[in-house]
Amino acid sequence: MERFDVRRGLVKQVNGEGGLSTLAARYFEQVESTGENSFSGSHGIMTSIIGSYEGSALMIDITNVPPNFDDPEAMKSAMDARKRWTSFLDEATGYNSKQRGDKAKEWAKKASKAKSAISATRHFIEMSDTLPEDKISEAESIIAEIEQALESNDNTRAAGRAEKLNKLFN
């Protein structure tokens, strides 16, 4: 499953133009709507494409099969499928490929910061003998919130809670 950030307001715009399945149908052969903001389909070497908007993200599960590299027609078809895929992502997210890469790095960085804050806090608690129980309890509560946010793939919330955790002992 891949996650792509979506430009603010684009989900509403796509829904106003017929939804994600209508958008996907412009790029892929076999497309079926599986809900208000979701579709399943296929095209060429992409034997299965399942996509949906979830909040401010496009979630995609895709299965590709390698083309016959010795067959020029198969390679042409594979390149066409790749172009369609990129164009679909550009339109479905509102970002070009470089921007999508930057957003993915930013998303991963938020998760990393949150995990780092948990690790640093636990280490600090272990090393300190004079911390009041109420501070330790509050820290554990925030850590639980961060872990739950990370588990539900809400890295923005996790990073925000991590900032609060870092400020708790400063």
Protein backbone atom coordinates (compact mmCIF):
# COMPACT_ATOMS: atom_id res chain seq x y z
CA MET A 1 0.00 0.00 0.00
CA GLU A 2 1.41 3.36 -1.02
CA ARG A 3 0.36 6.70 0.45
CA PHE A 4 0.42 9.97 -1.49
CA ASP A 5 -0.36 13.39 -0.03
CA VAL A 6 -3.15 15.22 -1.84
CA ARG A 7 -3.20 18.97 -2.43
CA ARG A 8 -5.68 20.77 -0.21
CA GLY A 9 -9.17 21.01 -1.72
CA LEU A 10 -8.47 18.52 -4.51
CA VAL A 11 -10.54 15.65 -3.07
CA LYS A 12 -13.60 17.90 -3.08
CA GLN A 13 -12.86 19.01 -6.63
CA VAL A 14 -12.42 15.42 -7.88
CA ASN A 15 -15.68 14.41 -6.17
CA GLY A 16 -17.42 17.30 -7.91
CA GLU A 17 -16.20 15.99 -11.26
CA GLY A 18 -17.55 12.46 -10.76
CA GLY A 19 -15.19 11.00 -8.17
CA LEU A 20 -11.93 9.09 -8.11
CA SER A 21 -13.27 6.26 -10.28
CA THR A 22 -14.20 8.74 -13.05
CA LEU A 23 -10.69 10.19 -12.89
CA ALA A 24 -9.12 6.71 -12.98
CA ALA A 25 -11.27 5.74 -15.98
CA ARG A 26 -9.53 8.46 -18.01
CA TYR A 27 -6.20 6.66 -17.55
CA PHE A 28 -6.91 2.95 -17.09
CA GLU A 29 -8.85 0.32 -19.09
CA GLN A 30 -10.83 -1.61 -16.52
CA VAL A 31 -12.16 0.64 -13.73
CA GLU A 32 -14.98 -0.02 -11.28
CA SER A 33 -16.20 2.30 -8.57
CA THR A 34 -16.00 0.61 -5.16
CA GLY A 35 -17.37 3.50 -3.15
CA GLU A 36 -17.64 7.27 -3.08
CA ASN A 37 -13.89 7.86 -3.01
CA SER A 38 -12.50 4.54 -4.22
CA PHE A 39 -12.00 2.36 -7.28
CA SER A 40 -10.41 -0.84 -8.49
CA GLY A 41 -9.03 -1.34 -11.94
CA SER A 42 -6.22 -2.55 -14.18
CA HIS A 43 -4.28 -1.47 -17.24
CA GLY A 44 -1.60 -3.39 -19.13
CA ILE A 45 1.22 -4.45 -16.82
CA MET A 46 -0.70 -3.05 -13.84
CA THR A 47 -2.86 -6.10 -13.18
CA SER A 48 -4.52 -4.66 -10.10
CA ILE A 49 -4.95 -1.06 -9.00
CA ILE A 50 -7.00 -0.35 -5.88
CA GLY A 51 -7.19 3.28 -4.83
CA SER A 52 -9.06 5.49 -2.42
CA TYR A 53 -8.94 8.91 -0.85
CA GLU A 54 -8.54 8.65 2.91
CA GLY A 55 -8.57 12.04 4.54
CA SER A 56 -5.93 14.13 2.80
CA ALA A 57 -4.14 11.17 1.22
CA LEU A 58 -4.48 8.90 -1.79
CA MET A 59 -3.96 5.28 -0.78
CA ILE A 60 -3.01 2.94 -3.62
CA ASP A 61 -2.39 -0.80 -3.69
CA ILE A 62 -0.95 -1.78 -7.07
CA THR A 63 0.28 -5.05 -8.55
CA ASN A 64 2.60 -4.91 -11.56
CA VAL A 65 3.88 -7.74 -13.72
CA PRO A 66 7.15 -7.35 -15.63
CA PRO A 67 6.79 -7.02 -19.39
CA ASN A 68 8.53 -9.26 -21.90
CA PHE A 69 11.73 -7.26 -22.29
CA ASP A 70 12.53 -8.95 -25.63
CA ASP A 71 9.28 -7.83 -27.24
CA PRO A 72 9.37 -4.20 -28.48
CA GLU A 73 5.55 -3.99 -28.49
CA ALA A 74 5.38 -5.18 -24.88
CA MET A 75 7.96 -2.57 -23.92
CA LYS A 76 5.98 0.14 -25.72
CA SER A 77 2.86 -0.94 -23.88
CA ALA A 78 4.71 -0.94 -20.54
CA MET A 79 6.04 2.57 -21.16
CA ASP A 80 2.52 3.73 -22.04
CA ALA A 81 1.20 2.20 -18.81
CA ARG A 82 3.93 4.00 -16.84
CA LYS A 83 3.04 7.34 -18.45
CA ARG A 84 -0.63 6.80 -17.66
CA TRP A 85 0.26 5.92 -14.05
CA THR A 86 2.34 9.08 -13.61
CA SER A 87 -0.31 11.28 -15.24
CA PHE A 88 -3.00 9.74 -13.04
CA LEU A 89 -0.97 10.41 -9.88
CA ASP A 90 -0.28 13.99 -11.00
CA GLU A 91 -3.99 14.67 -11.43
CA ALA A 92 -5.22 12.62 -8.43
CA THR A 93 -2.78 14.25 -5.98
CA GLY A 94 -2.29 17.72 -7.46
CA TYR A 95 1.49 17.26 -7.15
CA ASN A 96 4.14 16.33 -9.71
CA SER A 97 6.52 13.43 -9.10
CA LYS A 98 9.20 15.56 -7.41
CA GLN A 99 6.65 17.16 -5.10
CA ARG A 100 5.20 13.72 -4.26
CA GLY A 101 8.71 12.53 -3.37
CA ASP A 102 9.29 15.57 -1.17
CA LYS A 103 5.94 15.05 0.57
CA ALA A 104 6.76 11.37 1.18
CA LYS A 105 10.10 12.33 2.75
CA GLU A 106 8.35 14.91 4.93
CA TRP A 107 5.80 12.29 6.02
CA ALA A 108 8.54 9.79 6.94
CA LYS A 109 10.47 12.50 8.78
CA LYS A 110 7.45 13.20 11.00
CA ALA A 111 7.26 9.54 11.99
CA SER A 112 10.98 9.44 12.65
CA LYS A 113 10.81 12.54 14.87
CA ALA A 114 7.95 11.02 16.86
CA LYS A 115 9.82 7.73 17.40
CA SER A 116 12.94 9.62 18.37
CA ALA A 117 11.02 11.66 20.96
CA ILE A 118 9.65 8.45 22.51
CA SER A 119 13.12 6.91 22.65
CA ALA A 120 14.72 10.02 24.14
CA THR A 121 11.99 10.41 26.76
CA ARG A 122 12.15 6.76 27.85
CA HIS A 123 15.94 7.04 28.13
CA PHE A 124 15.63 10.26 30.14
CA ILE A 125 13.11 8.65 32.51
CA GLU A 126 15.40 5.63 33.02
CA MET A 127 18.42 7.83 33.77
CA SER A 128 16.66 10.21 36.17
CA ASP A 129 16.05 9.39 39.82
CA THR A 130 14.29 12.61 40.77
CA LEU A 131 11.42 12.86 38.31
CA PRO A 132 8.03 13.26 39.92
CA GLU A 133 5.52 10.47 39.24
CA ASP A 134 3.00 12.87 37.75
CA LYS A 135 5.54 13.93 35.06
CA ILE A 136 6.35 10.30 34.28
CA SER A 137 2.65 9.48 34.09
CA GLU A 138 1.97 12.42 31.77
CA ALA A 139 4.91 11.40 29.56
CA GLU A 140 3.62 7.80 29.31
CA SER A 141 0.17 9.11 28.39
CA ILE A 142 1.62 11.25 25.58
CA ILE A 143 3.78 8.33 24.43
CA ALA A 144 0.64 6.17 24.20
CA GLU A 145 -1.04 8.87 22.07
CA ILE A 146 2.01 9.07 19.78
CA GLU A 147 2.15 5.29 19.37
CA GLN A 148 -1.56 5.17 18.57
CA ALA A 149 -1.18 7.98 16.01
CA LEU A 150 1.75 6.18 14.38
CA GLU A 151 -0.23 2.95 14.28
CA SER A 152 -3.16 4.69 12.56
CA ASN A 153 -0.71 6.28 10.07
CA ASP A 154 -1.35 9.82 11.35
CA ASN A 155 2.26 11.04 11.35
CA THR A 156 1.26 14.70 11.55
CA ARG A 157 -0.53 14.15 14.87
CA ALA A 158 2.32 11.94 16.10
CA ALA A 159 4.87 14.69 15.35
CA GLY A 160 2.71 17.29 17.11
CA ARG A 161 2.39 15.13 20.22
CA ALA A 162 6.16 14.47 20.08
CA GLU A 163 6.79 18.22 20.27
CA LYS A 164 4.62 18.36 23.40
CA LEU A 165 6.54 15.40 24.84
CA ASN A 166 9.87 17.11 24.18
CA LYS A 167 8.65 20.30 25.90
CA LEU A 168 7.49 18.35 28.95
CA PHE A 169 11.01 18.00 30.33
CA ASN A 170 12.51 21.28 29.05
